[in-house]
Amino acid sequence: MWVITVFEKKSVRIFEFNNKQEANVALKGIKGSAILSYTK
């Protein structure tokens, strides 16, 4: 599972994706600080 973690001023949002391609498309649309990671 691929996970995008988005850091905002007072909160954190997490989005889960089944494959890296979907996650990369979503990551391109995010402004600000974010991390793409993989977990089993």
Protein backbone atom coordinates (compact mmCIF):
# COMPACT_ATOMS: atom_id res chain seq x y z
CA MET A 1 0.00 0.00 0.00
CA TRP A 2 1.25 3.47 -0.88
CA VAL A 3 0.54 6.30 1.54
CA ILE A 4 0.69 10.06 1.10
CA THR A 5 1.01 12.04 4.31
CA VAL A 6 0.18 15.73 3.96
CA PHE A 7 1.34 18.14 6.65
CA GLU A 8 -0.73 21.28 7.23
CA LYS A 9 -0.38 24.01 9.83
CA LYS A 10 -2.35 22.28 12.59
CA SER A 11 -3.20 18.89 11.12
CA VAL A 12 -2.00 15.87 9.17
CA ARG A 13 -3.97 14.12 6.43
CA ILE A 14 -3.26 10.60 5.18
CA PHE A 15 -4.33 9.11 1.85
CA GLU A 16 -3.96 5.42 0.91
CA PHE A 17 -3.44 4.04 -2.61
CA ASN A 18 -3.19 0.53 -4.05
CA ASN A 19 -0.36 1.30 -6.47
CA LYS A 20 2.47 3.78 -6.92
CA GLN A 21 1.12 5.23 -10.16
CA GLU A 22 -2.13 6.36 -8.50
CA ALA A 23 -0.20 7.83 -5.59
CA ASN A 24 2.15 9.79 -7.87
CA VAL A 25 -0.78 11.30 -9.79
CA ALA A 26 -2.38 12.42 -6.53
CA LEU A 27 0.93 13.71 -5.17
CA LYS A 28 1.38 16.03 -8.15
CA GLY A 29 -1.88 17.78 -7.22
CA ILE A 30 -0.89 18.45 -3.62
CA LYS A 31 0.53 21.82 -2.70
CA GLY A 32 2.64 22.13 0.42
CA SER A 33 4.58 19.50 2.35
CA ALA A 34 3.87 15.83 1.69
CA ILE A 35 5.63 12.47 1.92
CA LEU A 36 5.03 9.42 -0.26
CA SER A 37 5.81 6.12 1.48
CA TYR A 38 5.23 2.39 1.03
CA THR A 39 4.04 -0.02 3.70
CA LYS A 40 3.24 -3.73 3.62
